[in-house]
Protein backbone atom coordinates (compact mmCIF):
# COMPACT_ATOMS: atom_id res chain seq x y z
CA MET A 1 30.42 120.86 63.84
CA SER A 2 31.42 117.89 66.00
CA THR A 3 28.58 115.89 67.54
CA GLU A 4 28.76 113.34 70.35
CA LEU A 5 26.17 111.04 71.87
CA ILE A 6 26.67 109.96 75.49
CA ILE A 7 24.45 107.08 76.67
CA ASP A 8 24.14 106.21 80.37
CA VAL A 9 22.48 102.82 80.89
CA ALA A 10 21.01 102.18 84.36
CA SER A 11 18.67 99.48 85.62
CA SER A 12 15.53 101.63 85.48
CA GLU A 13 16.24 104.06 82.63
CA ILE A 14 18.60 105.10 79.88
CA GLY A 15 19.97 108.66 79.80
CA ILE A 16 20.82 110.00 76.34
CA ALA A 17 22.81 113.23 76.02
CA LEU A 18 23.51 114.90 72.66
CA LEU A 19 26.51 117.25 72.63
CA GLU A 20 27.37 119.71 69.87
CA LYS A 21 30.83 121.23 70.19
CA LYS A 22 30.98 119.71 73.70
CA LYS A 23 27.81 121.62 74.67
CA LEU A 24 24.70 119.77 75.85
CA VAL A 25 21.80 120.47 73.44
CA GLU A 26 19.44 117.53 73.96
CA LEU A 27 18.73 115.29 76.94
CA ASN A 28 16.39 112.30 76.97
CA ARG A 29 15.58 109.93 79.79
CA GLU A 30 13.92 106.76 78.58
CA LYS A 31 12.41 104.12 80.85
CA SER A 32 13.71 100.60 80.31
CA ASP A 33 10.21 99.49 79.28
CA PRO A 34 8.73 102.57 77.52
CA LYS A 35 5.04 102.50 76.60
CA PHE A 36 2.92 104.78 74.42
CA SER A 37 5.91 106.36 72.66
CA VAL A 38 5.42 108.52 69.57
CA GLY A 39 5.27 106.22 66.54
CA ASP A 40 3.89 103.14 68.34
CA ILE A 41 0.96 101.53 66.49
CA TYR A 42 -1.91 100.07 68.53
CA LEU A 43 -5.02 98.06 67.97
CA GLY A 44 -7.64 100.05 69.87
CA ARG A 45 -11.37 100.13 70.50
CA VAL A 46 -13.69 103.14 70.27
CA LYS A 47 -14.97 103.90 73.77
CA LYS A 48 -16.94 107.11 73.24
CA ILE A 49 -17.99 109.30 70.32
CA MET A 50 -17.97 113.05 70.96
CA PRO A 51 -19.95 114.75 68.13
CA GLY A 52 -19.47 118.20 69.67
CA LEU A 53 -15.68 117.81 69.44
CA ASN A 54 -15.91 115.84 66.18
CA ALA A 55 -13.64 113.32 67.87
CA ALA A 56 -13.60 109.98 69.64
CA PHE A 57 -11.92 108.52 72.70
CA ILE A 58 -10.05 105.27 72.04
CA ASP A 59 -8.97 102.58 74.49
CA VAL A 60 -5.34 101.67 73.74
CA GLY A 61 -4.52 100.34 77.22
CA TYR A 62 -3.49 103.62 78.85
CA GLU A 63 -5.11 104.62 82.15
CA ARG A 64 -6.91 107.42 80.31
CA ASP A 65 -8.59 106.97 76.93
CA ALA A 66 -6.64 108.38 74.00
CA PHE A 67 -7.97 111.20 71.81
CA LEU A 68 -8.61 110.81 68.06
CA HIS A 69 -9.93 113.80 66.09
CA TYR A 70 -11.79 113.43 62.80
CA LEU A 71 -9.06 115.37 60.95
CA ASP A 72 -6.50 112.81 62.15
CA LEU A 73 -8.37 109.87 60.64
CA GLY A 74 -6.76 110.50 57.25
CA PRO A 75 -8.53 110.42 53.85
CA GLN A 76 -7.77 106.71 53.39
CA PHE A 77 -9.35 105.65 56.70
CA ARG A 78 -11.97 103.41 55.04
CA SER A 79 -9.25 101.56 53.08
CA LEU A 80 -7.25 101.03 56.28
CA GLN A 81 -10.37 99.80 58.08
CA LYS A 82 -11.19 97.39 55.24
CA PHE A 83 -7.71 95.87 55.34
CA LEU A 84 -7.77 95.70 59.17
CA ASN A 85 -11.11 93.87 59.25
CA ALA A 86 -9.88 91.41 56.62
CA ALA A 87 -6.69 90.77 58.62
CA ILE A 88 -8.57 90.16 61.87
CA SER A 89 -11.22 87.86 60.35
CA ARG A 90 -8.95 86.28 57.70
CA LYS A 91 -11.94 85.43 55.53
CA GLN A 92 -9.69 85.53 52.48
CA LYS A 93 -6.42 83.65 52.08
CA ASN A 94 -3.11 85.28 51.16
CA LEU A 95 -4.11 88.74 52.27
CA SER A 96 -2.17 91.29 50.20
CA MET A 97 -1.99 95.06 50.56
CA GLN A 98 -0.98 95.50 46.94
CA LYS A 99 -4.07 93.66 45.65
CA LEU A 100 -6.48 95.50 47.92
CA LYS A 101 -9.14 97.57 46.16
CA ARG A 102 -9.10 100.98 47.80
CA GLU A 103 -12.26 102.51 49.24
CA LYS A 104 -13.44 106.04 48.54
CA ASP A 105 -11.72 108.73 50.64
CA ILE A 106 -13.69 110.14 53.55
CA ASP A 107 -15.06 113.69 53.33
CA LYS A 108 -12.52 116.11 54.84
CA ASN A 109 -15.44 118.14 56.25
CA GLY A 110 -17.36 115.11 57.51
CA LYS A 111 -18.53 114.10 60.98
CA ILE A 112 -16.93 111.55 63.28
CA ASN A 113 -20.18 109.68 63.96
CA ASN A 114 -20.57 108.99 60.23
CA VAL A 115 -17.27 107.07 60.22
CA LEU A 116 -16.84 105.55 63.70
CA THR A 117 -19.18 103.70 66.03
CA THR A 118 -18.81 102.81 69.70
CA GLY A 119 -17.05 99.47 70.15
CA GLN A 120 -15.43 99.57 66.70
CA ILE A 121 -11.88 98.19 66.41
CA VAL A 122 -9.41 100.67 64.87
CA LEU A 123 -5.71 100.84 64.09
CA VAL A 124 -4.07 103.98 65.44
CA GLN A 125 -0.62 105.48 65.88
CA ILE A 126 0.62 107.54 68.84
CA ALA A 127 1.05 111.14 67.62
CA LYS A 128 1.60 112.70 71.05
CA GLU A 129 2.63 110.94 74.26
CA PRO A 130 0.59 111.29 77.48
CA ILE A 131 1.29 114.70 79.00
CA SER A 132 0.18 115.77 82.48
CA THR A 133 -3.44 114.64 82.95
CA LYS A 134 -4.08 114.02 79.26
CA GLY A 135 -3.97 110.65 77.53
CA PRO A 136 -2.16 110.03 74.23
CA ARG A 137 -3.13 111.88 71.04
CA LEU A 138 -3.75 109.51 68.12
CA THR A 139 -3.77 109.47 64.33
CA SER A 140 -4.91 106.92 61.77
CA GLU A 141 -2.62 108.33 59.09
CA ILE A 142 -0.05 105.62 59.67
CA ALA A 143 3.60 106.43 58.90
CA LEU A 144 6.55 104.02 59.27
CA ALA A 145 9.78 105.99 59.48
CA GLY A 146 13.07 104.66 58.16
CA ARG A 147 16.48 106.23 57.82
CA ASN A 148 15.98 107.55 54.27
CA ILE A 149 12.25 107.24 53.63
CA VAL A 150 8.89 107.22 55.40
CA LEU A 151 6.35 104.60 54.28
CA MET A 152 2.70 105.74 54.08
CA PRO A 153 0.25 102.83 53.60
CA PHE A 154 -2.79 103.51 51.35
CA TYR A 155 -1.23 106.60 49.77
CA ASP A 156 -0.12 106.68 46.13
CA LYS A 157 2.25 109.65 46.03
CA VAL A 158 6.00 110.14 46.33
CA SER A 159 6.96 113.37 48.14
CA VAL A 160 10.51 114.69 48.47
CA SER A 161 11.82 116.74 51.42
CA GLN A 162 11.85 120.48 50.71
CA LYS A 163 15.33 120.63 52.26
CA ILE A 164 16.71 118.89 49.17
CA THR A 165 17.18 122.03 47.08
CA SER A 166 18.59 120.57 43.86
CA GLU A 167 15.70 120.23 41.42
CA GLU A 168 17.65 117.62 39.46
CA GLU A 169 18.17 115.49 42.58
CA ARG A 170 14.53 115.88 43.60
CA LYS A 171 13.41 114.68 40.16
CA ARG A 172 15.85 111.73 40.31
CA LEU A 173 14.60 110.59 43.72
CA ARG A 174 10.95 111.03 42.80
CA THR A 175 11.34 109.03 39.57
CA LEU A 176 13.42 106.35 41.29
CA LEU A 177 10.99 105.79 44.17
CA GLN A 178 7.98 105.94 41.88
CA SER A 179 9.47 103.09 39.84
CA ILE A 180 9.97 100.78 42.86
CA ARG A 181 6.94 101.87 44.92
CA PRO A 182 4.52 98.97 45.58
CA ASN A 183 0.84 99.52 44.86
CA ASN A 184 -1.17 101.12 47.70
CA TYR A 185 1.94 102.60 49.33
CA GLY A 186 3.07 106.22 49.40
CA ILE A 187 6.58 107.39 50.20
CA ILE A 188 8.10 110.50 51.75
CA VAL A 189 11.76 110.91 50.86
CA ARG A 190 13.80 112.27 53.77
CA THR A 191 16.64 114.78 53.48
CA VAL A 192 19.37 112.20 54.21
CA ALA A 193 18.32 110.26 51.08
CA GLU A 194 20.03 112.87 48.92
CA ASN A 195 22.51 111.18 46.52
CA LYS A 196 21.64 107.70 47.84
CA MET A 197 21.80 104.81 45.41
CA VAL A 198 18.71 102.83 44.37
CA LYS A 199 20.02 99.70 46.11
CA VAL A 200 19.97 101.42 49.52
CA LEU A 201 16.50 102.91 49.06
CA ASP A 202 15.03 99.71 47.62
CA SER A 203 16.36 97.64 50.55
CA GLU A 204 14.91 100.03 53.12
CA LEU A 205 11.56 100.16 51.30
CA ARG A 206 11.31 96.37 51.28
CA ASN A 207 12.12 96.19 55.00
CA LEU A 208 9.44 98.74 55.89
CA VAL A 209 6.82 96.98 53.74
CA LYS A 210 7.74 93.66 55.37
CA LYS A 211 7.48 95.23 58.83
CA TRP A 212 3.98 96.55 58.03
CA GLU A 213 2.57 93.43 56.38
CA SER A 214 4.08 90.94 58.86
CA ALA A 215 2.38 92.83 61.70
CA PHE A 216 -1.01 92.24 60.06
CA GLU A 217 -0.32 88.52 59.75
CA GLN A 218 -0.36 88.32 63.56
CA LEU A 219 -3.68 90.14 64.04
CA ARG A 220 -6.10 87.26 63.54
CA GLY A 221 -8.01 86.52 66.74
CA ASN A 222 -6.39 89.40 68.66
CA THR A 223 -8.54 91.71 70.76
CA PRO A 224 -7.73 95.34 71.60
CA PRO A 225 -5.97 97.00 73.24
CA LYS A 226 -2.77 95.58 71.78
CA LEU A 227 0.59 96.96 70.64
CA VAL A 228 0.96 96.03 66.96
CA ILE A 229 4.19 97.75 65.90
CA SER A 230 6.62 99.33 68.33
CA GLU A 231 8.64 102.39 67.40
CA LEU A 232 12.40 102.16 67.82
CA ASN A 233 13.67 102.92 71.31
CA ARG A 234 14.64 106.56 71.87
CA THR A 235 18.35 105.91 71.30
CA ALA A 236 17.84 104.25 67.92
CA ALA A 237 15.25 106.88 66.91
CA ILE A 238 17.73 109.69 67.64
CA LEU A 239 20.41 107.91 65.63
CA ARG A 240 17.99 107.31 62.75
CA ASP A 241 16.94 110.95 62.60
CA ILE A 242 20.19 112.85 63.24
CA LEU A 243 23.15 110.58 62.47
CA ASN A 244 25.27 112.43 59.90
CA VAL A 245 28.85 113.17 58.92
CA SER A 246 29.28 115.52 61.90
CA PHE A 247 28.92 112.61 64.35
CA ASN A 248 32.40 111.73 65.56
CA SER A 249 31.73 109.59 68.63
CA ILE A 250 29.09 107.62 70.51
CA HIS A 251 29.98 106.53 74.04
CA VAL A 252 27.89 103.99 75.98
CA ASN A 253 28.57 102.30 79.32
CA ASP A 254 26.73 99.03 78.71
CA ASN A 255 28.13 96.23 76.55
CA ASN A 256 24.74 94.90 75.35
CA VAL A 257 23.45 98.35 74.36
CA CYS A 258 26.80 99.09 72.70
CA ASN A 259 26.49 95.97 70.54
CA ASP A 260 22.86 96.81 69.69
CA ILE A 261 23.84 100.31 68.56
CA LYS A 262 26.72 98.97 66.44
CA GLU A 263 24.36 96.47 64.82
CA TYR A 264 21.76 99.17 64.13
CA ILE A 265 24.31 101.63 62.72
CA SER A 266 25.71 98.90 60.47
CA THR A 267 22.31 98.79 58.75
CA ILE A 268 21.81 102.56 58.29
CA ALA A 269 25.38 103.90 58.01
CA PRO A 270 28.03 101.13 57.98
CA GLU A 271 30.86 103.65 57.62
CA LYS A 272 29.94 105.09 61.06
CA GLU A 273 30.11 101.82 63.02
CA ARG A 274 33.67 102.58 64.19
CA ILE A 275 32.59 105.71 66.12
CA VAL A 276 30.73 103.60 68.73
CA SER A 277 32.83 102.84 71.80
CA LEU A 278 32.20 101.07 75.11
CA TYR A 279 33.03 103.20 78.15
CA LYS A 280 34.73 101.15 80.89
CA GLY A 281 35.83 103.87 83.32
CA THR A 282 34.94 103.90 87.02
CA THR A 283 33.77 107.53 86.97
CA PRO A 284 30.06 107.77 85.99
CA ILE A 285 29.86 108.37 82.23
CA PHE A 286 27.86 111.62 82.51
CA GLU A 287 30.41 112.87 85.02
CA LYS A 288 33.34 111.88 82.79
CA PHE A 289 32.09 113.77 79.74
CA GLY A 290 30.88 116.85 81.64
CA VAL A 291 27.18 116.17 81.12
CA GLU A 292 26.29 116.15 84.82
CA LYS A 293 27.73 119.63 85.38
CA GLN A 294 25.91 121.02 82.32
CA ILE A 295 22.63 119.55 83.56
CA LYS A 296 23.07 121.35 86.88
CA THR A 297 23.80 124.68 85.17
CA SER A 298 21.28 124.44 82.32
CA PHE A 299 18.06 123.58 84.15
CA GLY A 300 16.25 125.66 86.72
CA LYS A 301 14.51 129.01 86.71
CA THR A 302 17.64 131.13 86.12
CA VAL A 303 20.15 130.33 83.37
CA SER A 304 23.33 132.41 82.89
CA PHE A 305 24.75 132.58 79.39
CA LYS A 306 27.31 135.35 78.74
CA SER A 307 29.23 137.96 80.75
CA GLY A 308 26.68 138.15 83.54
CA ALA A 309 23.59 138.13 81.32
CA TYR A 310 20.91 135.58 82.20
CA LEU A 311 17.50 134.18 81.33
CA ILE A 312 14.49 133.76 83.60
CA ILE A 313 12.40 130.81 82.40
CA GLU A 314 8.88 130.43 83.78
CA HIS A 315 6.49 127.58 82.97
CA THR A 316 2.72 127.85 83.20
CA GLU A 317 -0.10 125.56 82.12
CA ALA A 318 -0.85 127.79 79.13
CA LEU A 319 2.58 128.87 77.88
CA HIS A 320 6.27 129.35 78.60
CA VAL A 321 7.78 132.78 79.29
CA ILE A 322 11.47 133.63 78.85
CA ASP A 323 12.78 136.97 80.11
CA VAL A 324 16.17 138.20 78.85
CA ASN A 325 18.23 140.22 81.38
CA SER A 326 21.56 141.95 80.78
CA GLY A 327 22.68 141.61 84.41
CA ASN A 328 25.97 143.38 85.06
CA ARG A 329 26.57 143.90 81.31
CA SER A 330 24.52 147.09 81.41
CA LYS A 331 27.63 149.20 82.11
CA SER A 332 29.98 147.33 79.77
CA VAL A 333 29.43 149.68 76.79
CA ASN A 334 28.37 153.30 76.50
CA ASP A 335 25.73 152.70 73.82
CA GLN A 336 22.63 151.10 75.32
CA GLU A 337 21.28 150.05 71.90
CA THR A 338 24.53 148.21 71.06
CA ASN A 339 24.54 146.55 74.48
CA ALA A 340 20.92 145.43 74.04
CA LEU A 341 21.64 143.96 70.60
CA GLU A 342 24.70 142.03 71.83
CA VAL A 343 22.81 140.57 74.79
CA ASN A 344 19.76 139.69 72.69
CA LEU A 345 21.86 137.93 70.01
CA ALA A 346 23.71 135.95 72.70
CA ALA A 347 20.35 135.16 74.33
CA VAL A 348 19.07 133.71 71.05
CA ASP A 349 21.94 131.18 71.07
CA GLU A 350 21.03 130.02 74.58
CA ILE A 351 17.27 130.10 74.03
CA THR A 352 17.45 127.85 70.96
CA ARG A 353 19.56 125.45 73.00
CA GLN A 354 17.12 125.56 75.93
CA LEU A 355 14.12 124.81 73.69
CA ARG A 356 15.78 121.61 72.45
CA LEU A 357 17.29 120.69 75.81
CA ARG A 358 14.04 120.98 77.78
CA ASP A 359 11.91 119.97 74.77
CA MET A 360 9.63 122.93 75.48
CA GLY A 361 6.41 122.86 73.49
CA GLY A 362 3.25 124.90 72.94
CA ILE A 363 3.47 128.70 73.03
CA ILE A 364 6.76 130.32 74.04
CA VAL A 365 6.89 134.09 74.62
CA ILE A 366 10.32 135.74 74.80
CA ASP A 367 10.77 139.20 76.31
CA PHE A 368 13.96 140.60 74.78
CA ILE A 369 15.70 143.74 75.99
CA ASP A 370 14.08 146.76 74.33
CA MET A 371 15.68 147.93 71.07
CA HIS A 372 14.63 151.01 69.10
CA SER A 373 16.19 150.14 65.75
CA GLN A 374 14.02 148.00 63.45
CA ASP A 375 17.19 146.72 61.79
CA ASN A 376 18.41 145.37 65.14
CA LYS A 377 15.05 143.70 65.75
CA ASN A 378 15.31 142.05 62.34
CA LYS A 379 18.83 140.82 63.15
CA VAL A 380 17.53 139.09 66.30
CA PHE A 381 14.63 137.53 64.40
CA GLU A 382 16.88 136.36 61.54
CA ARG A 383 19.37 134.80 63.97
CA MET A 384 16.55 132.97 65.75
CA ARG A 385 15.20 131.69 62.43
CA ILE A 386 18.61 130.41 61.29
CA LEU A 387 19.48 128.67 64.57
CA MET A 388 16.04 127.09 64.84
CA GLU A 389 16.67 125.33 61.53
CA ASN A 390 18.70 122.80 63.58
CA ASP A 391 15.57 121.98 65.60
CA ARG A 392 13.89 118.84 64.22
CA THR A 393 10.60 119.65 65.99
CA LYS A 394 7.99 121.55 63.97
CA HIS A 395 7.89 125.20 64.94
CA SER A 396 6.79 128.67 63.85
CA ILE A 397 8.42 132.01 64.72
CA LEU A 398 6.94 135.52 64.63
CA PRO A 399 9.07 138.71 64.38
CA LEU A 400 9.50 140.93 67.44
CA SER A 401 6.48 143.04 68.29
CA LYS A 402 6.70 146.73 69.14
CA PHE A 403 6.90 145.67 72.80
CA GLY A 404 10.02 143.59 72.15
CA LEU A 405 8.19 140.26 72.44
CA MET A 406 8.79 137.27 70.18
CA GLN A 407 6.28 134.44 69.92
CA ILE A 408 7.25 130.88 69.04
CA THR A 409 5.01 127.85 68.71
CA ARG A 410 6.78 124.51 68.98
CA GLN A 411 5.09 121.15 68.58
CA ARG A 412 4.78 119.24 71.83
CA VAL A 413 4.69 115.46 71.42
CA ARG A 414 6.35 114.37 74.69
CA PRO A 415 6.32 115.63 78.28
CA GLU A 416 8.77 118.47 78.83
CA MET A 417 12.14 117.57 80.32
CA ASP A 418 12.09 119.00 83.85
CA ILE A 419 15.01 118.50 86.22
CA ASN A 420 15.01 120.02 89.69
CA THR A 421 18.49 121.45 90.20
CA ARG A 422 17.84 122.52 93.79
CA GLU A 423 19.45 120.27 96.36
CA GLN A 424 18.41 119.42 99.88
CA CYS A 425 20.41 121.23 102.54
CA PRO A 426 23.56 119.10 102.93
CA THR A 427 23.91 119.80 106.64
CA CYS A 428 20.38 119.40 107.98
CA GLY A 429 18.82 117.11 105.34
CA GLY A 430 15.77 119.40 105.26
CA THR A 431 15.00 119.04 108.97
CA GLY A 432 16.44 122.37 110.16
CA GLU A 433 18.67 120.54 112.67
CA ILE A 434 22.26 119.43 112.12
CA SER A 435 24.65 116.93 113.63
CA PRO A 436 28.25 118.06 114.16
CA SER A 437 29.93 118.15 110.73
CA ILE A 438 33.22 117.21 112.40
CA LEU A 439 31.75 113.71 112.83
CA LEU A 440 31.28 113.15 109.05
CA VAL A 441 34.58 111.30 108.61
CA GLU A 442 33.72 109.12 111.61
CA ARG A 443 30.29 108.32 110.11
CA ILE A 444 31.89 107.28 106.82
CA GLU A 445 34.38 105.08 108.66
CA ASN A 446 31.58 103.46 110.68
CA SER A 447 29.59 102.75 107.49
CA ILE A 448 32.59 101.09 105.85
CA ALA A 449 33.32 99.06 108.99
CA GLU A 450 29.71 97.90 109.17
CA VAL A 451 29.74 96.80 105.52
CA VAL A 452 33.05 94.94 105.96
CA ASP A 453 31.85 93.19 109.13
CA ASN A 454 28.39 92.26 107.82
CA TYR A 455 29.19 91.33 104.22
CA GLN A 456 32.92 90.46 104.38
CA TYR A 457 33.83 92.75 101.47
CA LYS A 458 37.55 92.97 100.60
CA ASN A 459 37.17 95.66 97.90
CA LEU A 460 34.93 98.73 98.11
CA ILE A 461 34.30 101.88 96.10
CA LEU A 462 33.50 105.12 97.97
CA ARG A 463 31.94 108.03 96.07
CA LEU A 464 31.51 111.44 97.68
CA HIS A 465 31.77 115.18 97.11
CA PRO A 466 35.14 116.31 95.61
CA PHE A 467 35.95 118.52 98.63
CA ILE A 468 35.53 115.64 101.08
CA GLU A 469 37.38 113.27 98.71
CA ALA A 470 40.34 115.66 98.69
CA TYR A 471 40.28 115.92 102.49
CA ILE A 472 40.32 112.17 103.23
CA THR A 473 42.88 111.27 100.54
CA ARG A 474 45.39 114.09 101.03
CA GLY A 475 48.94 113.42 102.15
CA TRP A 476 51.12 110.33 102.44
CA LYS A 477 49.35 109.24 105.64
CA SER A 478 45.83 109.90 104.46
CA ILE A 479 42.65 108.99 106.32
CA VAL A 480 41.77 106.40 103.65
CA LYS A 481 45.11 104.62 104.07
CA LYS A 482 44.43 104.40 107.80
CA TRP A 483 41.00 102.84 107.10
CA LYS A 484 42.52 100.27 104.72
CA LYS A 485 45.02 99.19 107.34
CA GLN A 486 42.52 99.03 110.20
CA LEU A 487 39.71 97.29 108.32
CA GLY A 488 41.75 95.03 106.01
CA CYS A 489 39.82 96.21 102.97
CA LYS A 490 40.92 97.92 99.74
CA ILE A 491 39.00 101.19 99.28
CA LYS A 492 38.96 103.19 96.06
CA VAL A 493 37.74 106.78 96.47
CA PHE A 494 36.15 108.75 93.60
CA PRO A 495 34.82 112.34 93.60
CA HIS A 496 31.28 112.98 92.36
CA SER A 497 30.44 116.66 91.80
CA SER A 498 26.68 116.09 91.62
CA TYR A 499 26.57 114.83 95.25
CA ASP A 500 25.57 117.05 98.15
CA PHE A 501 28.45 118.33 100.26
CA LEU A 502 28.06 115.69 102.98
CA GLU A 503 26.62 112.92 100.78
CA TYR A 504 28.48 109.65 100.27
CA HIS A 505 27.69 106.17 98.90
CA LEU A 506 29.42 102.78 98.99
CA PHE A 507 29.56 100.39 95.99
CA ASP A 508 30.99 96.96 95.27
CA THR A 509 33.42 96.37 92.39
CA ASP A 510 30.48 95.68 90.03
CA GLY A 511 29.04 99.14 90.67
CA LYS A 512 26.12 97.94 92.83
CA GLU A 513 25.36 100.24 95.76
CA ILE A 514 25.76 98.78 99.25
CA THR A 515 23.54 99.94 102.08
CA PRO A 516 25.07 99.44 105.56
């Protein structure tokens, strides 16, 4: 399966599109200065203890206090707190994790007020980003993720991913990591570590330990809230988690980001560095690789997927509901049961894609077309289970009920991706009144003339809807050629399918938009 990553770098955000077999399966939009991302480690202060919830609210600098439950403290919380207090006060010289005497684990059935006090300084990690009106969800079970391993401070075990099925390989990795594991550190071996040499794993382990301990060296005299260790940006995190042999290209439209990605890949998979390329075309990168069109067709309430069949996707505060409809397929075969099975199996393909694409979390209820055969119901469930194995997010799937409903729970750690595909009326601009459309070409010409007169531009780029682009550029004596001659300015015209019908924008040769 071929996999591509398309990265659109803009001034305010970075768009990251993951394509499998040219089909959009994941879309991320990351702010240029992201805060409170999953994996970030903060120095926080306890603001309020809630005995009834057995939890505490922590100030980590977000507008709303973050939530920390007792069960998320981790058994080794007292050891972490001891090391944190020593790092902040620096009463002892040459502070070392490996020489630290561990404290007794906290009681897994204990109470929050027996462990935390108001005003106490704690080290926490973002487990769930702020969603809607809720602040971040925190944990004190710190985990530093690398490409092949995850470092767990204050643990003393080596665990191997269940997806590595070879018992011989599991034993090799466990023995290898146990032999190089520093004292007071635990390790989780990730699936991609299979068949990796000790040199690679040892180097990554040392880098993660250095990252953890060097952060503590900077804590003396610091007051919360403060970011201690930042998770990788979303692009690097995606590469770290999913880069594999199926990746055949990574396209990015910014030279600095391109170099950063090449440098990062050279450290985790040097043989893949050649697949990174800088996109230099004039057409927007999402437009060039067909991402923009897929965004328009994949988001929204109604999603078509095969031969007239479609999904209705509804979002509520409590859950997500997906209704499968056969559309005009209902008359395509004589056997209703066979038709229902075909539509439901095709729907599973699109639903698994939609879950990843929109990053839908919480409870998802799917209303499939009714089937009488239990074997057919099992086929739908089995197909859903197999396709969901490609989903990196934790999830649980229940078989179809007698009402034809399937329930899925999917971990929600970030706000759901929600893109409004409805466009403002291109003729009235939402006002209900229109100006004569025959004057559009004249308005464009006036805008170009105003820009040329006011800013003395000699080269301009005009982007507009493909239909209008075709109209003004058609023929040997096109409208654009007339403008060039009259205004003394070179004008390059490019179609942009995501624009409204009468929408147009002017840019300079550096891609910066010009407002008349």
